[in-house]
N, C-alpha and C. Protein backbone atom coordinates (compact mmCIF):
# COMPACT_ATOMS: atom_id res chain seq x y z
N MET A 1 112.04 -26.67 -9.48
CA MET A 1 111.24 -26.96 -8.31
C MET A 1 112.09 -26.67 -7.08
N SER A 2 111.54 -25.97 -6.12
CA SER A 2 112.30 -25.60 -4.93
C SER A 2 112.53 -26.80 -4.03
N GLU A 3 113.53 -26.70 -3.18
CA GLU A 3 113.85 -27.77 -2.24
C GLU A 3 112.68 -28.05 -1.31
N GLN A 4 111.99 -27.02 -0.87
CA GLN A 4 110.85 -27.20 0.03
C GLN A 4 109.72 -27.97 -0.66
N ALA A 5 109.51 -27.75 -1.94
CA ALA A 5 108.43 -28.41 -2.66
C ALA A 5 108.70 -29.90 -2.83
N ARG A 6 109.95 -30.33 -2.84
CA ARG A 6 110.28 -31.73 -3.03
C ARG A 6 110.20 -32.55 -1.76
N LYS A 7 110.23 -31.92 -0.61
CA LYS A 7 110.20 -32.66 0.64
C LYS A 7 108.77 -33.04 1.00
N PRO A 8 108.55 -34.30 1.39
CA PRO A 8 107.20 -34.67 1.81
C PRO A 8 106.87 -34.02 3.14
N SER A 9 105.65 -33.60 3.28
CA SER A 9 105.25 -33.01 4.56
C SER A 9 104.57 -34.07 5.40
N PRO A 10 105.15 -34.42 6.54
CA PRO A 10 104.55 -35.46 7.38
C PRO A 10 103.26 -34.96 8.01
N THR A 11 102.43 -35.91 8.37
CA THR A 11 101.21 -35.59 9.08
C THR A 11 101.55 -35.44 10.55
N ARG A 12 101.08 -34.38 11.17
CA ARG A 12 101.44 -34.10 12.55
C ARG A 12 100.22 -34.20 13.44
N ALA A 13 100.37 -34.85 14.56
CA ALA A 13 99.31 -34.92 15.56
C ALA A 13 99.20 -33.57 16.25
N SER A 14 98.03 -33.25 16.74
CA SER A 14 97.84 -31.96 17.39
C SER A 14 98.70 -31.87 18.65
N PRO A 15 99.35 -30.72 18.88
CA PRO A 15 100.22 -30.59 20.05
C PRO A 15 99.45 -30.75 21.34
N GLY A 16 100.01 -31.52 22.24
CA GLY A 16 99.39 -31.73 23.54
C GLY A 16 98.20 -32.67 23.52
N GLY A 17 97.79 -33.10 22.36
CA GLY A 17 96.63 -33.98 22.26
C GLY A 17 97.02 -35.34 21.74
N ARG A 18 96.04 -36.20 21.68
CA ARG A 18 96.29 -37.53 21.13
C ARG A 18 96.14 -37.49 19.63
N PRO A 19 96.91 -38.30 18.92
CA PRO A 19 96.76 -38.33 17.47
C PRO A 19 95.43 -38.97 17.11
N PRO A 20 94.89 -38.62 15.96
CA PRO A 20 93.65 -39.26 15.53
C PRO A 20 93.84 -40.77 15.42
N ARG A 21 92.77 -41.48 15.65
CA ARG A 21 92.84 -42.95 15.65
C ARG A 21 93.29 -43.50 14.30
N HIS A 22 92.91 -42.84 13.20
CA HIS A 22 93.31 -43.37 11.90
C HIS A 22 94.83 -43.32 11.72
N LEU A 23 95.50 -42.33 12.29
CA LEU A 23 96.97 -42.28 12.20
C LEU A 23 97.59 -43.39 13.02
N GLN A 24 97.06 -43.64 14.20
CA GLN A 24 97.56 -44.74 15.02
C GLN A 24 97.33 -46.08 14.32
N HIS A 25 96.19 -46.23 13.68
CA HIS A 25 95.87 -47.47 12.97
C HIS A 25 96.84 -47.70 11.81
N LEU A 26 97.10 -46.65 11.02
CA LEU A 26 98.03 -46.78 9.90
C LEU A 26 99.44 -47.10 10.38
N ALA A 27 99.85 -46.51 11.48
CA ALA A 27 101.17 -46.81 12.04
C ALA A 27 101.22 -48.26 12.52
N GLY A 28 100.14 -48.73 13.11
CA GLY A 28 100.08 -50.12 13.57
C GLY A 28 100.12 -51.12 12.43
N GLN A 29 99.59 -50.73 11.27
CA GLN A 29 99.59 -51.60 10.09
C GLN A 29 100.91 -51.56 9.34
N GLY A 30 101.80 -50.65 9.72
CA GLY A 30 103.09 -50.53 9.05
C GLY A 30 103.06 -49.65 7.81
N ILE A 31 101.94 -48.98 7.58
CA ILE A 31 101.83 -48.10 6.42
C ILE A 31 102.56 -46.79 6.67
N GLN A 32 102.45 -46.30 7.89
CA GLN A 32 103.17 -45.10 8.29
C GLN A 32 104.01 -45.43 9.50
N ARG A 33 105.02 -44.62 9.72
CA ARG A 33 105.79 -44.79 10.96
C ARG A 33 105.63 -43.54 11.80
N ASP A 34 105.61 -43.74 13.08
CA ASP A 34 105.50 -42.59 13.97
C ASP A 34 106.89 -42.22 14.46
N GLN A 35 107.14 -40.94 14.53
CA GLN A 35 108.45 -40.44 14.95
C GLN A 35 108.24 -39.24 15.84
N LYS A 36 108.77 -39.33 17.04
CA LYS A 36 108.65 -38.23 17.97
C LYS A 36 109.80 -37.26 17.76
N HIS A 37 109.47 -35.98 17.70
CA HIS A 37 110.48 -34.93 17.54
C HIS A 37 110.12 -33.84 18.54
N GLY A 38 110.89 -33.78 19.62
CA GLY A 38 110.54 -32.85 20.70
C GLY A 38 109.28 -33.32 21.37
N GLN A 39 108.31 -32.45 21.48
CA GLN A 39 107.04 -32.82 22.09
C GLN A 39 106.01 -33.25 21.06
N GLU A 40 106.36 -33.20 19.80
CA GLU A 40 105.39 -33.49 18.75
C GLU A 40 105.66 -34.85 18.13
N MET A 41 104.58 -35.50 17.71
CA MET A 41 104.65 -36.81 17.06
C MET A 41 104.30 -36.62 15.59
N TYR A 42 105.17 -37.13 14.71
CA TYR A 42 104.94 -37.04 13.28
C TYR A 42 104.65 -38.44 12.76
N TYR A 43 103.78 -38.54 11.78
CA TYR A 43 103.45 -39.80 11.13
C TYR A 43 103.89 -39.68 9.67
N ILE A 44 104.82 -40.54 9.26
CA ILE A 44 105.45 -40.43 7.96
C ILE A 44 105.06 -41.64 7.11
N ASN A 45 104.55 -41.37 5.93
CA ASN A 45 104.19 -42.41 4.98
C ASN A 45 105.49 -42.88 4.32
N GLU A 46 105.95 -44.06 4.68
CA GLU A 46 107.24 -44.57 4.21
C GLU A 46 107.27 -44.75 2.69
N ALA A 47 106.23 -45.31 2.10
CA ALA A 47 106.22 -45.54 0.67
C ALA A 47 106.31 -44.22 -0.10
N LEU A 48 105.56 -43.23 0.32
CA LEU A 48 105.60 -41.93 -0.34
C LEU A 48 106.95 -41.26 -0.13
N PHE A 49 107.48 -41.33 1.08
CA PHE A 49 108.78 -40.75 1.38
C PHE A 49 109.87 -41.36 0.50
N ASN A 50 109.87 -42.71 0.39
CA ASN A 50 110.88 -43.38 -0.43
C ASN A 50 110.72 -43.05 -1.91
N GLU A 51 109.49 -42.91 -2.38
CA GLU A 51 109.25 -42.55 -3.77
C GLU A 51 109.78 -41.15 -4.08
N LEU A 52 109.53 -40.22 -3.16
CA LEU A 52 109.96 -38.84 -3.38
C LEU A 52 111.47 -38.69 -3.18
N ALA A 53 112.04 -39.45 -2.27
CA ALA A 53 113.46 -39.33 -1.96
C ALA A 53 114.33 -40.11 -2.96
N GLY A 54 113.76 -41.13 -3.58
CA GLY A 54 114.55 -41.99 -4.45
C GLY A 54 114.45 -41.60 -5.84
């Protein structure tokens, strides 16, 4: 399996726009975390990330 295939792909909000409400809701519930990288905001599912990374 390639290195790229093992990395989780975060959900990205549209550039220059607001993220969908469901992403904000999940981040507010602690299911996902939001992380700003440059001008873009990424929403990362912590449980899935930890499962794939661990």
